[in-house]
PDB file of N, CA and C in Angstrom:
ATOM      1  N   MET A   1       0.846  -1.188   0.000  1.00  0.00           N
ATOM      2  CA  MET A   1       0.000   0.000   0.000  1.00  0.00           C
ATOM      3  C   MET A   1       0.881   1.238   0.000  1.00  0.00           C
ATOM      4  N   PHE A   2       0.307   2.341  -0.352  1.00  0.00           N
ATOM      5  CA  PHE A   2       1.041   3.595  -0.422  1.00  0.00           C
ATOM      6  C   PHE A   2       1.281   4.163   0.976  1.00  0.00           C
ATOM      7  N   SER A   3       2.454   4.703   1.195  1.00  0.00           N
ATOM      8  CA  SER A   3       2.692   5.407   2.444  1.00  0.00           C
ATOM      9  C   SER A   3       2.243   6.851   2.272  1.00  0.00           C
ATOM     10  N   LYS A   4       2.010   7.525   3.384  1.00  0.00           N
ATOM     11  CA  LYS A   4       1.557   8.915   3.318  1.00  0.00           C
ATOM     12  C   LYS A   4       2.611   9.792   2.656  1.00  0.00           C
ATOM     13  N   LYS A   5       3.881   9.505   2.946  1.00  0.00           N
ATOM     14  CA  LYS A   5       4.959  10.301   2.367  1.00  0.00           C
ATOM     15  C   LYS A   5       4.973  10.154   0.845  1.00  0.00           C
ATOM     16  N   MET A   6       4.775   8.951   0.353  1.00  0.00           N
ATOM     17  CA  MET A   6       4.762   8.708  -1.091  1.00  0.00           C
ATOM     18  C   MET A   6       3.540   9.364  -1.733  1.00  0.00           C
ATOM     19  N   LEU A   7       2.401   9.294  -1.073  1.00  0.00           N
ATOM     20  CA  LEU A   7       1.183   9.894  -1.586  1.00  0.00           C
ATOM     21  C   LEU A   7       1.333  11.407  -1.691  1.00  0.00           C
ATOM     22  N   TRP A   8       1.820  12.041  -0.633  1.00  0.00           N
ATOM     23  CA  TRP A   8       2.001  13.494  -0.661  1.00  0.00           C
ATOM     24  C   TRP A   8       3.040  13.899  -1.702  1.00  0.00           C
ATOM     25  N   GLY A   9       4.097  13.131  -1.831  1.00  0.00           N
ATOM     26  CA  GLY A   9       5.113  13.431  -2.834  1.00  0.00           C
ATOM     27  C   GLY A   9       4.551  13.343  -4.241  1.00  0.00           C
ATOM     28  N   SER A  10       3.733  12.333  -4.484  1.00  0.00           N
ATOM     29  CA  SER A  10       3.118  12.181  -5.800  1.00  0.00           C
ATOM     30  C   SER A  10       2.153  13.322  -6.100  1.00  0.00           C
ATOM     31  N   LEU A  11       1.360  13.708  -5.110  1.00  0.00           N
ATOM     32  CA  LEU A  11       0.417  14.807  -5.310  1.00  0.00           C
ATOM     33  C   LEU A  11       1.141  16.121  -5.576  1.00  0.00           C
ATOM     34  N   ILE A  12       2.206  16.383  -4.833  1.00  0.00           N
ATOM     35  CA  ILE A  12       2.975  17.613  -5.037  1.00  0.00           C
ATOM     36  C   ILE A  12       3.629  17.609  -6.413  1.00  0.00           C
ATOM     37  N   ALA A  13       4.166  16.476  -6.817  1.00  0.00           N
ATOM     38  CA  ALA A  13       4.777  16.384  -8.147  1.00  0.00           C
ATOM     39  C   ALA A  13       3.741  16.615  -9.237  1.00  0.00           C
ATOM     40  N   LEU A  14       2.557  16.072  -9.073  1.00  0.00           N
ATOM     41  CA  LEU A  14       1.493  16.258 -10.058  1.00  0.00           C
ATOM     42  C   LEU A  14       1.100  17.726 -10.156  1.00  0.00           C
ATOM     43  N   VAL A  15       0.984  18.392  -9.017  1.00  0.00           N
ATOM     44  CA  VAL A  15       0.631  19.817  -9.016  1.00  0.00           C
ATOM     45  C   VAL A  15       1.719  20.634  -9.697  1.00  0.00           C
ATOM     46  N   LEU A  16       2.973  20.331  -9.397  1.00  0.00           N
ATOM     47  CA  LEU A  16       4.069  21.074 -10.013  1.00  0.00           C
ATOM     48  C   LEU A  16       4.140  20.836 -11.512  1.00  0.00           C
ATOM     49  N   LEU A  17       3.902  19.615 -11.941  1.00  0.00           N
ATOM     50  CA  LEU A  17       3.952  19.315 -13.371  1.00  0.00           C
ATOM     51  C   LEU A  17       2.824  19.992 -14.135  1.00  0.00           C
ATOM     52  N   THR A  18       1.630  19.980 -13.579  1.00  0.00           N
ATOM     53  CA  THR A  18       0.502  20.575 -14.281  1.00  0.00           C
ATOM     54  C   THR A  18       0.487  22.088 -14.141  1.00  0.00           C
ATOM     55  N   GLY A  19       1.009  22.601 -13.053  1.00  0.00           N
ATOM     56  CA  GLY A  19       0.976  24.042 -12.823  1.00  0.00           C
ATOM     57  C   GLY A  19       2.050  24.803 -13.560  1.00  0.00           C
ATOM     58  N   THR A  20       3.125  24.143 -13.961  1.00  0.00           N
ATOM     59  CA  THR A  20       4.226  24.847 -14.597  1.00  0.00           C
ATOM     60  C   THR A  20       4.425  24.412 -16.045  1.00  0.00           C
ATOM     61  N   SER A  21       3.375  23.884 -16.649  1.00  0.00           N
ATOM     62  CA  SER A  21       3.531  23.448 -18.033  1.00  0.00           C
ATOM     63  C   SER A  21       3.740  24.657 -18.933  1.00  0.00           C
ATOM     64  N   GLY A  22       4.451  24.470 -20.022  1.00  0.00           N
ATOM     65  CA  GLY A  22       4.759  25.560 -20.927  1.00  0.00           C
ATOM     66  C   GLY A  22       3.700  25.785 -21.985  1.00  0.00           C
ATOM     67  N   VAL A  23       2.540  25.187 -21.814  1.00  0.00           N
ATOM     68  CA  VAL A  23       1.489  25.323 -22.811  1.00  0.00           C
ATOM     69  C   VAL A  23       0.788  26.657 -22.605  1.00  0.00           C
ATOM     70  N   THR A  24       0.648  27.413 -23.665  1.00  0.00           N
ATOM     71  CA  THR A  24      -0.084  28.673 -23.589  1.00  0.00           C
ATOM     72  C   THR A  24      -1.335  28.554 -24.431  1.00  0.00           C
ATOM     73  N   LEU A  25      -2.391  29.101 -23.933  1.00  0.00           N
ATOM     74  CA  LEU A  25      -3.660  29.036 -24.650  1.00  0.00           C
ATOM     75  C   LEU A  25      -3.755  30.194 -25.625  1.00  0.00           C
ATOM     76  N   ALA A  26      -4.290  29.923 -26.775  1.00  0.00           N
ATOM     77  CA  ALA A  26      -4.477  30.977 -27.762  1.00  0.00           C
ATOM     78  C   ALA A  26      -5.628  31.870 -27.323  1.00  0.00           C
ATOM     79  N   GLU A  27      -5.438  33.158 -27.479  1.00  0.00           N
ATOM     80  CA  GLU A  27      -6.491  34.093 -27.111  1.00  0.00           C
ATOM     81  C   GLU A  27      -7.471  34.249 -28.263  1.00  0.00           C
ATOM     82  N   MET A  28      -8.711  34.475 -27.899  1.00  0.00           N
ATOM     83  CA  MET A  28      -9.714  34.720 -28.924  1.00  0.00           C
ATOM     84  C   MET A  28      -9.526  36.143 -29.437  1.00  0.00           C
ATOM     85  N   PRO A  29      -9.803  36.368 -30.684  1.00  0.00           N
ATOM     86  CA  PRO A  29      -9.669  37.720 -31.214  1.00  0.00           C
ATOM     87  C   PRO A  29     -10.664  38.666 -30.552  1.00  0.00           C
ATOM     88  N   ALA A  30     -10.309  39.925 -30.536  1.00  0.00           N
ATOM     89  CA  ALA A  30     -11.203  40.932 -29.956  1.00  0.00           C
ATOM     90  C   ALA A  30     -12.496  40.998 -30.762  1.00  0.00           C
ATOM     91  N   HIS A  31     -13.531  41.504 -30.117  1.00  0.00           N
ATOM     92  CA  HIS A  31     -14.817  41.609 -30.808  1.00  0.00           C
ATOM     93  C   HIS A  31     -14.659  42.538 -32.012  1.00  0.00           C
ATOM     94  N   SER A  32     -14.964  42.013 -33.152  1.00  0.00           N
ATOM     95  CA  SER A  32     -14.874  42.831 -34.356  1.00  0.00           C
ATOM     96  C   SER A  32     -16.087  42.552 -35.225  1.00  0.00           C
ATOM     97  N   SER A  33     -16.303  43.423 -36.160  1.00  0.00           N
ATOM     98  CA  SER A  33     -17.462  43.261 -37.033  1.00  0.00           C
ATOM     99  C   SER A  33     -17.223  42.179 -38.079  1.00  0.00           C
ATOM    100  N   GLU A  34     -15.971  41.726 -38.215  1.00  0.00           N
ATOM    101  CA  GLU A  34     -15.634  40.737 -39.231  1.00  0.00           C
ATOM    102  C   GLU A  34     -15.549  39.318 -38.666  1.00  0.00           C
ATOM    103  N   GLN A  35     -16.238  39.047 -37.571  1.00  0.00           N
ATOM    104  CA  GLN A  35     -16.195  37.702 -36.998  1.00  0.00           C
ATOM    105  C   GLN A  35     -16.880  36.726 -37.945  1.00  0.00           C
ATOM    106  N   THR A  36     -16.165  35.642 -38.259  1.00  0.00           N
ATOM    107  CA  THR A  36     -16.739  34.628 -39.134  1.00  0.00           C
ATOM    108  C   THR A  36     -17.213  33.420 -38.352  1.00  0.00           C
ATOM    109  N   SER A  37     -16.882  33.351 -37.083  1.00  0.00           N
ATOM    110  CA  SER A  37     -17.258  32.200 -36.277  1.00  0.00           C
ATOM    111  C   SER A  37     -18.722  32.303 -35.868  1.00  0.00           C
ATOM    112  N   GLN A  38     -19.373  31.171 -35.764  1.00  0.00           N
ATOM    113  CA  GLN A  38     -20.765  31.175 -35.334  1.00  0.00           C
ATOM    114  C   GLN A  38     -20.887  31.182 -33.812  1.00  0.00           C
ATOM    115  N   PHE A  39     -19.762  31.006 -33.114  1.00  0.00           N
ATOM    116  CA  PHE A  39     -19.775  30.982 -31.657  1.00  0.00           C
ATOM    117  C   PHE A  39     -19.262  32.306 -31.107  1.00  0.00           C
ATOM    118  N   GLN A  40     -19.843  32.724 -30.002  1.00  0.00           N
ATOM    119  CA  GLN A  40     -19.394  33.944 -29.344  1.00  0.00           C
ATOM    120  C   GLN A  40     -18.959  33.603 -27.938  1.00  0.00           C
ATOM    121  N   ARG A  41     -17.976  34.327 -27.467  1.00  0.00           N
ATOM    122  CA  ARG A  41     -17.454  34.099 -26.125  1.00  0.00           C
ATOM    123  C   ARG A  41     -18.442  34.630 -25.098  1.00  0.00           C
ATOM    124  N   ILE A  42     -18.710  33.834 -24.077  1.00  0.00           N
ATOM    125  CA  ILE A  42     -19.577  34.243 -22.976  1.00  0.00           C
ATOM    126  C   ILE A  42     -18.701  34.317 -21.737  1.00  0.00           C
ATOM    127  N   GLU A  43     -18.599  35.485 -21.164  1.00  0.00           N
ATOM    128  CA  GLU A  43     -17.768  35.673 -19.976  1.00  0.00           C
ATOM    129  C   GLU A  43     -18.514  35.133 -18.755  1.00  0.00           C
ATOM    130  N   GLN A  44     -17.842  34.281 -17.997  1.00  0.00           N
ATOM    131  CA  GLN A  44     -18.445  33.693 -16.807  1.00  0.00           C
ATOM    132  C   GLN A  44     -18.032  34.490 -15.570  1.00  0.00           C
ATOM    133  N   PRO A  45     -18.907  34.618 -14.578  1.00  0.00           N
ATOM    134  CA  PRO A  45     -18.548  35.335 -13.352  1.00  0.00           C
ATOM    135  C   PRO A  45     -17.418  34.610 -12.609  1.00  0.00           C
ATOM    136  N   LEU A  46     -16.574  35.377 -11.946  1.00  0.00           N
ATOM    137  CA  LEU A  46     -15.434  34.814 -11.232  1.00  0.00           C
ATOM    138  C   LEU A  46     -15.889  33.833 -10.148  1.00  0.00           C
ATOM    139  N   GLY A  47     -16.973  34.157  -9.455  1.00  0.00           N
ATOM    140  CA  GLY A  47     -17.478  33.267  -8.412  1.00  0.00           C
ATOM    141  C   GLY A  47     -17.842  31.892  -8.943  1.00  0.00           C
ATOM    142  N   LEU A  48     -18.416  31.858 -10.129  1.00  0.00           N
ATOM    143  CA  LEU A  48     -18.780  30.583 -10.752  1.00  0.00           C
ATOM    144  C   LEU A  48     -17.533  29.786 -11.107  1.00  0.00           C
ATOM    145  N   LYS A  49     -16.525  30.462 -11.657  1.00  0.00           N
ATOM    146  CA  LYS A  49     -15.271  29.789 -12.013  1.00  0.00           C
ATOM    147  C   LYS A  49     -14.614  29.190 -10.772  1.00  0.00           C
ATOM    148  N   VAL A  50     -14.571  29.971  -9.699  1.00  0.00           N
ATOM    149  CA  VAL A  50     -13.958  29.487  -8.456  1.00  0.00           C
ATOM    150  C   VAL A  50     -14.757  28.330  -7.884  1.00  0.00           C
ATOM    151  N   GLY A  51     -16.080  28.432  -7.910  1.00  0.00           N
ATOM    152  CA  GLY A  51     -16.928  27.363  -7.385  1.00  0.00           C
ATOM    153  C   GLY A  51     -16.753  26.058  -8.139  1.00  0.00           C
ATOM    154  N   VAL A  52     -16.682  26.147  -9.458  1.00  0.00           N
ATOM    155  CA  VAL A  52     -16.494  24.942 -10.271  1.00  0.00           C
ATOM    156  C   VAL A  52     -15.118  24.337 -10.001  1.00  0.00           C
ATOM    157  N   ALA A  53     -14.096  25.184  -9.872  1.00  0.00           N
ATOM    158  CA  ALA A  53     -12.751  24.680  -9.599  1.00  0.00           C
ATOM    159  C   ALA A  53     -12.693  23.991  -8.234  1.00  0.00           C
ATOM    160  N   ILE A  54     -13.313  24.586  -7.219  1.00  0.00           N
ATOM    161  CA  ILE A  54     -13.313  23.989  -5.873  1.00  0.00           C
ATOM    162  C   ILE A  54     -14.086  22.671  -5.872  1.00  0.00           C
ATOM    163  N   ALA A  55     -15.226  22.632  -6.558  1.00  0.00           N
ATOM    164  CA  ALA A  55     -16.003  21.389  -6.629  1.00  0.00           C
ATOM    165  C   ALA A  55     -15.209  20.293  -7.334  1.00  0.00           C
ATOM    166  N   GLY A  56     -14.512  20.644  -8.403  1.00  0.00           N
ATOM    167  CA  GLY A  56     -13.692  19.659  -9.109  1.00  0.00           C
ATOM    168  C   GLY A  56     -12.578  19.114  -8.238  1.00  0.00           C
ATOM    169  N   LEU A  57     -11.896  20.004  -7.515  1.00  0.00           N
ATOM    170  CA  LEU A  57     -10.835  19.550  -6.612  1.00  0.00           C
ATOM    171  C   LEU A  57     -11.391  18.688  -5.480  1.00  0.00           C
ATOM    172  N   ALA A  58     -12.587  19.027  -5.003  1.00  0.00           N
ATOM    173  CA  ALA A  58     -13.217  18.219  -3.952  1.00  0.00           C
ATOM    174  C   ALA A  58     -13.528  16.810  -4.466  1.00  0.00           C
ATOM    175  N   PHE A  59     -14.039  16.712  -5.682  1.00  0.00           N
ATOM    176  CA  PHE A  59     -14.326  15.394  -6.251  1.00  0.00           C
ATOM    177  C   PHE A  59     -13.048  14.595  -6.486  1.00  0.00           C
ATOM    178  N   ILE A  60     -11.996  15.251  -6.936  1.00  0.00           N
ATOM    179  CA  ILE A  60     -10.719  14.555  -7.121  1.00  0.00           C
ATOM    180  C   ILE A  60     -10.202  14.045  -5.786  1.00  0.00           C
ATOM    181  N   GLY A  61     -10.275  14.879  -4.752  1.00  0.00           N
ATOM    182  CA  GLY A  61      -9.852  14.462  -3.417  1.00  0.00           C
ATOM    183  C   GLY A  61     -10.678  13.294  -2.899  1.00  0.00           C
ATOM    184  N   LEU A  62     -11.982  13.337  -3.137  1.00  0.00           N
ATOM    185  CA  LEU A  62     -12.860  12.247  -2.699  1.00  0.00           C
ATOM    186  C   LEU A  62     -12.505  10.945  -3.416  1.00  0.00           C
ATOM    187  N   GLU A  63     -12.219  11.033  -4.706  1.00  0.00           N
ATOM    188  CA  GLU A  63     -11.837   9.828  -5.444  1.00  0.00           C
ATOM    189  C   GLU A  63     -10.509   9.272  -4.953  1.00  0.00           C
ATOM    190  N   LEU A  64      -9.540  10.137  -4.702  1.00  0.00           N
ATOM    191  CA  LEU A  64      -8.257   9.676  -4.172  1.00  0.00           C
ATOM    192  C   LEU A  64      -8.444   9.006  -2.817  1.00  0.00           C
ATOM    193  N   TRP A  65      -9.254   9.627  -1.954  1.00  0.00           N
ATOM    194  CA  TRP A  65      -9.503   9.028  -0.644  1.00  0.00           C
ATOM    195  C   TRP A  65     -10.176   7.667  -0.811  1.00  0.00           C
ATOM    196  N   TRP A  66     -11.170   7.587  -1.675  1.00  0.00           N
ATOM    197  CA  TRP A  66     -11.924   6.343  -1.847  1.00  0.00           C
ATOM    198  C   TRP A  66     -11.042   5.202  -2.352  1.00  0.00           C
ATOM    199  N   PHE A  67     -10.219   5.471  -3.359  1.00  0.00           N
ATOM    200  CA  PHE A  67      -9.443   4.400  -3.971  1.00  0.00           C
ATOM    201  C   PHE A  67      -8.140   4.094  -3.241  1.00  0.00           C
ATOM    202  N   LEU A  68      -7.570   5.062  -2.533  1.00  0.00           N
ATOM    203  CA  LEU A  68      -6.272   4.841  -1.904  1.00  0.00           C
ATOM    204  C   LEU A  68      -6.342   4.660  -0.389  1.00  0.00           C
ATOM    205  N   LEU A  69      -7.258   5.322   0.265  1.00  0.00           N
ATOM    206  CA  LEU A  69      -7.231   5.345   1.734  1.00  0.00           C
ATOM    207  C   LEU A  69      -8.396   4.643   2.408  1.00  0.00           C
ATOM    208  N   TYR A  70      -9.491   4.437   1.686  1.00  0.00           N
ATOM    209  CA  TYR A  70     -10.677   3.835   2.304  1.00  0.00           C
ATOM    210  C   TYR A  70     -10.429   2.360   2.565  1.00  0.00           C
ATOM    211  N   LYS A  71     -10.704   1.944   3.788  1.00  0.00           N
ATOM    212  CA  LYS A  71     -10.543   0.533   4.152  1.00  0.00           C
ATOM    213  C   LYS A  71     -11.934  -0.039   4.434  1.00  0.00           C
ATOM    214  N   SER A  72     -12.275  -1.077   3.693  1.00  0.00           N
ATOM    215  CA  SER A  72     -13.587  -1.684   3.896  1.00  0.00           C
ATOM    216  C   SER A  72     -13.607  -2.444   5.224  1.00  0.00           C
ATOM    217  N   PRO A  73     -14.783  -2.488   5.866  1.00  0.00           N
ATOM    218  CA  PRO A  73     -14.892  -3.232   7.119  1.00  0.00           C
ATOM    219  C   PRO A  73     -14.619  -4.722   6.909  1.00  0.00           C
ATOM    220  N   GLU A  74     -13.929  -5.305   7.843  1.00  0.00           N
ATOM    221  CA  GLU A  74     -13.621  -6.733   7.772  1.00  0.00           C
ATOM    222  C   GLU A  74     -14.894  -7.531   7.949  1.00  0.00           C
ATOM    223  N   SER A  75     -15.147  -8.496   7.095  1.00  0.00           N
ATOM    224  CA  SER A  75     -16.371  -9.317   7.167  1.00  0.00           C
ATOM    225  C   SER A  75     -16.137 -10.544   8.019  1.00  0.00           C
TER     226      SER A  75
END
């Protein structure tokens, strides 16, 4: 089974790898009258973005706890 030290090390490494990636996202062009795309950008409120991010992290944490740390009762 995983030790706590190994688990924390893996989680920290994952955060560092995903947080410091060199990938940059392309920006959408400014609003212009010559837009040819049928889709328009909809700006989301900051509170909604933060809430979705926190909920996602909570679900990831719950899954990690369930698969790595949860011990079923002995039958």
